[in-house]
Amino acid sequence: MIENKLIGHDSYIENFVMLYKNSKLPNKILLSGKKGIGKSLLIKHFLLKIFNSNNDHELIKNMSHPNILNIKKNIDKKNIEIDQIREVVKFTNQSSFNNKSRFIIVDDAEFLNLNSSNALLKNLEEPNDNVFFILVFNSDMSLLDTIKSRCIEYKINITNEDIKLIVNDYFNEDIYKQINSDLINYYSTPFFLISLINYMIENELSISSTTIDDLLINLINNKHYMKQDFIKDNLSMIIEIFFYIHINKTKKISNKVKDYYYYKLSNVRKFNLDYEAFFLEFKDKLLNE
């Protein structure tokens, strides 16, 4: 399963383990890369390597290891809040379990707000001995330069071949080759493709014949941009794919048109306007030709 099996990041793990064993692992690491390529899973497997007893493994899998503090944006919140970062002080001041290293993992670091970022900065500037900070960051979003400057950044990438392996392994069949070519490009991470296939299965859409236009018509007609988590989380990517196809391949749409709709969508989000009106116009002007 995707949540346990790691494909395509062996060299990163080997490097981190080697650095750690030689006491050369930086104590402030920024792990950056596109959302959905397995950065958090990479860290989990690294920790399983260095805390290698059976008891350690169970505690890590249950996110209850006393030497590891996991910080992540809560589902019902917009940001990582300052109270979550205040837990770092308590964690670093407590006694270490078996005198082993302690790790503070900040997942979704792009969701740090100004207050939580500043609180984290204070901890990054004065880390306790044998304490490691690992920030996991979606490189498509922004992070304060002051935080970046305190960390050693490792840019994580994944090959197309590994993406195929991950998707096929998740579904336990050679399903990658069935995906319509519209939906496979630079933006297509393993997590996106797996979620997309599940969405198409749930909505009885053909994996092979569903184009980007078909996908947009379905989500607009069913108002999934309001009520379906996969669509809400990946709306920008789906629209980006649509314009990429029709600007670079079909040549039916100009960059001027793309800029117009990007501007409108930005205002919808910024001023909390009506998504329905935006998508009705989008469908009428761009999908009914």
Protein backbone atom coordinates (compact mmCIF):
# COMPACT_ATOMS: atom_id res chain seq x y z
CA MET A 1 0.00 0.00 0.00
CA ILE A 2 1.11 3.55 -0.70
CA GLU A 3 1.14 4.53 2.98
CA ASN A 4 3.74 1.86 3.86
CA LYS A 5 5.75 0.90 0.78
CA LEU A 6 8.42 3.29 -0.45
CA ILE A 7 9.45 3.26 -4.11
CA GLY A 8 12.05 5.48 -5.75
CA HIS A 9 13.80 7.08 -2.77
CA ASP A 10 16.34 4.45 -1.72
CA SER A 11 19.35 6.65 -2.50
CA TYR A 12 18.04 9.48 -0.31
CA ILE A 13 17.50 7.12 2.64
CA GLU A 14 20.94 5.54 2.24
CA ASN A 15 22.55 8.97 2.19
CA PHE A 16 20.67 10.16 5.31
CA VAL A 17 21.49 6.95 7.21
CA MET A 18 25.18 7.22 6.26
CA LEU A 19 25.33 10.87 7.37
CA TYR A 20 23.57 10.06 10.63
CA LYS A 21 25.85 7.12 11.47
CA ASN A 22 28.90 9.30 10.77
CA SER A 23 27.50 12.14 12.93
CA LYS A 24 27.30 14.40 9.86
CA LEU A 25 23.53 14.64 9.40
CA PRO A 26 22.50 18.34 9.49
CA ASN A 27 20.31 19.07 12.49
CA LYS A 28 18.03 21.37 10.47
CA ILE A 29 16.80 19.82 7.22
CA LEU A 30 14.27 21.10 4.70
CA LEU A 31 12.91 18.29 2.53
CA SER A 32 11.29 19.96 -0.47
CA GLY A 33 9.51 18.62 -3.53
CA LYS A 34 6.13 18.38 -5.23
CA LYS A 35 3.15 17.27 -3.17
CA GLY A 36 2.45 13.56 -3.39
CA ILE A 37 5.89 12.12 -4.25
CA GLY A 38 6.48 10.41 -0.89
CA LYS A 39 8.55 12.90 1.14
CA SER A 40 6.83 12.13 4.44
CA LEU A 41 7.06 8.40 3.76
CA LEU A 42 10.77 8.82 3.03
CA ILE A 43 11.28 10.32 6.50
CA LYS A 44 9.26 7.55 8.11
CA HIS A 45 11.46 4.89 6.47
CA PHE A 46 14.61 6.77 7.47
CA LEU A 47 13.44 6.75 11.11
CA LEU A 48 12.64 3.05 10.88
CA LYS A 49 16.26 2.49 9.80
CA ILE A 50 17.87 4.32 12.72
CA PHE A 51 15.39 3.23 15.40
CA ASN A 52 15.57 -0.40 14.46
CA SER A 53 14.08 -2.47 17.28
CA ASN A 54 10.66 -4.08 16.85
CA ASN A 55 9.27 -1.93 19.64
CA ASP A 56 10.65 1.22 17.98
CA HIS A 57 9.00 0.23 14.71
CA GLU A 58 5.58 -0.22 16.29
CA LEU A 59 5.84 3.14 18.05
CA ILE A 60 6.93 4.92 14.84
CA LYS A 61 4.11 3.35 12.83
CA ASN A 62 1.63 4.47 15.49
CA MET A 63 3.21 7.94 15.64
CA SER A 64 3.80 7.53 19.38
CA HIS A 65 7.58 7.16 19.64
CA PRO A 66 8.83 9.23 22.62
CA ASN A 67 11.85 10.45 20.62
CA ILE A 68 9.83 11.74 17.68
CA LEU A 69 7.52 14.76 17.69
CA ASN A 70 5.22 14.93 14.66
CA ILE A 71 3.69 18.31 13.81
CA LYS A 72 1.19 18.64 10.98
CA LYS A 73 -1.67 20.92 10.05
CA ASN A 74 -4.87 19.71 11.67
CA ILE A 75 -7.58 18.76 9.15
CA ASP A 76 -10.03 21.36 10.49
CA LYS A 77 -7.48 24.21 10.48
CA LYS A 78 -6.04 26.43 7.76
CA ASN A 79 -2.55 26.64 9.28
CA ILE A 80 -0.10 25.01 11.64
CA GLU A 81 -0.83 27.00 14.78
CA ILE A 82 1.55 28.49 17.32
CA ASP A 83 0.32 26.16 20.11
CA GLN A 84 1.57 23.21 18.05
CA ILE A 85 5.04 24.78 17.78
CA ARG A 86 5.09 25.47 21.53
CA GLU A 87 5.09 21.68 21.99
CA VAL A 88 8.65 21.75 20.57
CA VAL A 89 10.00 23.46 23.70
CA LYS A 90 8.42 20.86 25.98
CA PHE A 91 9.70 18.06 23.77
CA THR A 92 13.30 19.30 23.58
CA ASN A 93 13.48 19.89 27.33
CA GLN A 94 12.29 16.45 28.35
CA SER A 95 14.64 13.53 28.95
CA SER A 96 15.61 11.53 25.90
CA PHE A 97 14.39 7.95 25.59
CA ASN A 98 17.43 5.62 25.94
CA ASN A 99 19.70 8.65 25.27
CA LYS A 100 18.94 8.39 21.58
CA SER A 101 18.54 11.27 19.14
CA ARG A 102 15.28 13.17 19.03
CA PHE A 103 13.53 14.22 15.85
CA ILE A 104 10.99 16.99 15.29
CA ILE A 105 9.11 16.42 12.03
CA VAL A 106 7.15 19.40 10.72
CA ASP A 107 4.98 18.10 7.89
CA ASP A 108 3.12 20.51 5.58
CA ALA A 109 5.59 23.25 6.56
CA GLU A 110 4.06 25.51 3.89
CA PHE A 111 1.09 25.89 6.25
CA LEU A 112 3.10 27.63 8.97
CA ASN A 113 1.57 31.08 9.54
CA LEU A 114 3.60 34.11 10.59
CA ASN A 115 3.24 33.48 14.33
CA SER A 116 4.02 29.77 14.16
CA SER A 117 6.91 30.47 11.74
CA ASN A 118 8.47 32.96 14.14
CA ALA A 119 8.05 30.56 17.06
CA LEU A 120 9.72 27.80 15.04
CA LEU A 121 12.58 30.14 14.08
CA LYS A 122 13.49 30.62 17.74
CA ASN A 123 13.82 26.85 18.13
CA LEU A 124 15.79 26.48 14.90
CA GLU A 125 18.29 29.11 16.01
CA GLU A 126 19.06 27.38 19.29
CA PRO A 127 18.57 23.63 18.89
CA ASN A 128 19.41 21.36 21.83
CA ASP A 129 22.15 18.76 21.46
CA ASN A 130 21.19 15.65 19.55
CA VAL A 131 17.90 17.16 18.35
CA PHE A 132 17.09 17.14 14.62
CA PHE A 133 14.50 19.26 12.85
CA ILE A 134 13.11 17.92 9.56
CA LEU A 135 10.69 20.19 7.73
CA VAL A 136 8.69 18.63 4.89
CA PHE A 137 7.68 21.23 2.32
CA ASN A 138 5.55 21.32 -0.83
CA SER A 139 7.78 23.25 -3.25
CA ASP A 140 4.77 24.46 -5.27
CA MET A 141 3.93 26.74 -2.35
CA SER A 142 5.86 29.34 -0.35
CA LEU A 143 7.88 29.24 2.86
CA LEU A 144 9.50 32.09 4.75
CA ASP A 145 13.04 32.79 3.54
CA THR A 146 14.16 33.12 7.15
CA ILE A 147 13.20 29.49 7.76
CA LYS A 148 14.79 28.31 4.50
CA SER A 149 18.04 30.08 5.36
CA ARG A 150 18.31 28.19 8.67
CA CYS A 151 18.03 24.77 7.02
CA ILE A 152 19.98 22.57 4.65
CA GLU A 153 17.58 21.91 1.76
CA TYR A 154 17.30 18.55 0.05
CA LYS A 155 15.24 18.72 -3.15
CA ILE A 156 13.41 15.44 -3.63
CA ASN A 157 12.47 14.26 -7.11
CA ILE A 158 10.97 11.11 -8.56
CA THR A 159 11.32 9.55 -12.02
CA ASN A 160 8.46 8.76 -14.38
CA GLU A 161 9.35 5.08 -14.17
CA ASP A 162 9.01 5.15 -10.37
CA ILE A 163 5.65 6.94 -10.70
CA LYS A 164 4.44 4.06 -12.89
CA LEU A 165 5.68 1.50 -10.35
CA ILE A 166 3.98 3.27 -7.43
CA VAL A 167 0.63 3.60 -9.20
CA ASN A 168 0.66 0.01 -10.44
CA ASP A 169 1.75 -1.29 -7.04
CA TYR A 170 -1.09 0.56 -5.30
CA PHE A 171 -3.76 -0.96 -7.55
CA ASN A 172 -1.93 -4.27 -7.90
CA GLU A 173 -2.33 -4.17 -11.69
CA ASP A 174 -0.76 -2.51 -14.72
CA ILE A 175 -3.20 0.40 -14.62
CA TYR A 176 -0.84 3.29 -15.40
CA LYS A 177 -0.84 2.57 -19.13
CA GLN A 178 -4.65 2.83 -19.17
CA ILE A 179 -4.71 6.48 -18.03
CA ASN A 180 -5.67 8.92 -20.77
CA SER A 181 -2.60 10.79 -22.04
CA ASP A 182 -4.29 14.14 -21.25
CA LEU A 183 -3.84 13.41 -17.55
CA ILE A 184 -0.20 12.33 -17.51
CA ASN A 185 2.35 15.14 -17.56
CA TYR A 186 4.84 17.07 -15.44
CA TYR A 187 2.19 17.84 -12.82
CA SER A 188 1.11 14.21 -12.29
CA THR A 189 2.54 12.92 -9.01
CA PRO A 190 1.84 9.38 -7.77
CA PHE A 191 -0.59 10.65 -5.14
CA PHE A 192 -2.47 12.74 -7.71
CA LEU A 193 -2.77 9.86 -10.18
CA ILE A 194 -3.88 7.35 -7.52
CA SER A 195 -6.50 9.78 -6.22
CA LEU A 196 -7.60 10.57 -9.78
CA ILE A 197 -8.07 6.90 -10.66
CA ASN A 198 -10.08 6.36 -7.48
CA TYR A 199 -12.20 9.41 -8.34
CA MET A 200 -12.88 8.08 -11.85
CA ILE A 201 -13.79 4.63 -10.51
CA GLU A 202 -16.17 6.16 -7.94
CA ASN A 203 -17.81 8.30 -10.62
CA GLU A 204 -17.94 5.54 -13.25
CA LEU A 205 -15.64 7.39 -15.63
CA SER A 206 -13.51 5.44 -18.07
CA ILE A 207 -9.83 5.54 -17.08
CA SER A 208 -8.68 5.28 -20.69
CA SER A 209 -11.14 7.54 -22.50
CA THR A 210 -11.76 10.30 -19.96
CA THR A 211 -10.04 13.45 -21.25
CA ILE A 212 -9.29 16.56 -19.25
CA ASP A 213 -12.42 18.14 -20.76
CA ASP A 214 -14.54 15.16 -19.67
CA LEU A 215 -13.10 15.37 -16.17
CA LEU A 216 -13.92 19.07 -15.87
CA ILE A 217 -17.45 18.63 -17.24
CA ASN A 218 -18.10 15.87 -14.70
CA LEU A 219 -16.81 17.85 -11.72
CA ILE A 220 -18.71 20.99 -12.82
CA ASN A 221 -22.00 19.19 -13.48
CA ASN A 222 -21.79 17.45 -10.09
CA LYS A 223 -20.42 20.53 -8.26
CA HIS A 224 -17.54 18.42 -6.95
CA TYR A 225 -15.45 21.58 -6.65
CA MET A 226 -17.58 22.26 -3.56
CA LYS A 227 -17.95 18.85 -1.95
CA GLN A 228 -15.31 16.38 -3.17
CA ASP A 229 -11.98 16.54 -1.31
CA PHE A 230 -9.81 15.28 -4.16
CA ILE A 231 -11.23 17.91 -6.53
CA LYS A 232 -11.05 20.73 -3.99
CA ASP A 233 -7.43 19.90 -3.15
CA ASN A 234 -6.33 19.55 -6.79
CA LEU A 235 -8.50 22.09 -8.57
CA SER A 236 -5.57 24.31 -9.53
CA MET A 237 -3.67 21.35 -10.96
CA ILE A 238 -6.66 20.14 -13.00
CA ILE A 239 -7.19 23.61 -14.47
CA GLU A 240 -3.47 23.92 -15.17
CA ILE A 241 -3.56 20.63 -17.07
CA PHE A 242 -6.56 21.84 -19.08
CA PHE A 243 -4.80 25.01 -20.21
CA TYR A 244 -1.54 23.15 -20.88
CA ILE A 245 -3.35 20.74 -23.23
CA HIS A 246 -5.30 23.42 -25.09
CA ILE A 247 -2.51 25.97 -25.37
CA ASN A 248 0.35 23.62 -26.25
CA LYS A 249 -1.36 20.73 -28.03
CA THR A 250 -4.75 21.62 -29.51
CA LYS A 251 -3.82 25.34 -29.87
CA LYS A 252 -7.48 26.23 -29.25
CA ILE A 253 -6.86 28.59 -26.34
CA SER A 254 -4.49 31.53 -25.97
CA ASN A 255 -2.40 32.53 -22.98
CA LYS A 256 -4.56 35.66 -22.77
CA VAL A 257 -7.63 33.51 -22.11
CA LYS A 258 -5.73 31.49 -19.50
CA ASP A 259 -4.63 34.67 -17.71
CA TYR A 260 -8.24 35.91 -17.69
CA TYR A 261 -9.54 32.76 -15.96
CA TYR A 262 -6.60 32.56 -13.56
CA TYR A 263 -7.34 36.13 -12.52
CA LYS A 264 -11.04 35.35 -12.03
CA LEU A 265 -10.30 32.19 -10.03
CA SER A 266 -7.82 34.10 -7.86
CA ASN A 267 -10.53 36.67 -7.05
CA VAL A 268 -13.04 33.93 -6.27
CA ARG A 269 -10.65 32.53 -3.68
CA LYS A 270 -9.43 35.88 -2.38
CA PHE A 271 -12.86 37.42 -1.87
CA ASN A 272 -14.77 34.20 -1.16
CA LEU A 273 -16.96 34.65 -4.25
CA ASP A 274 -19.29 32.20 -5.97
CA TYR A 275 -17.45 29.21 -7.47
CA GLU A 276 -20.58 28.15 -9.31
CA ALA A 277 -20.74 31.33 -11.39
CA PHE A 278 -17.05 30.94 -12.28
CA PHE A 279 -17.46 27.34 -13.43
CA LEU A 280 -20.68 27.97 -15.34
CA GLU A 281 -18.83 30.60 -17.38
CA PHE A 282 -15.80 28.31 -17.71
CA LYS A 283 -17.99 25.49 -19.03
CA ASP A 284 -20.03 27.71 -21.34
CA LYS A 285 -17.03 29.46 -22.91
CA LEU A 286 -14.37 26.74 -22.91
CA LEU A 287 -16.05 23.33 -22.74
CA ASN A 288 -19.05 23.68 -25.05
CA GLU A 289 -17.24 24.36 -28.30
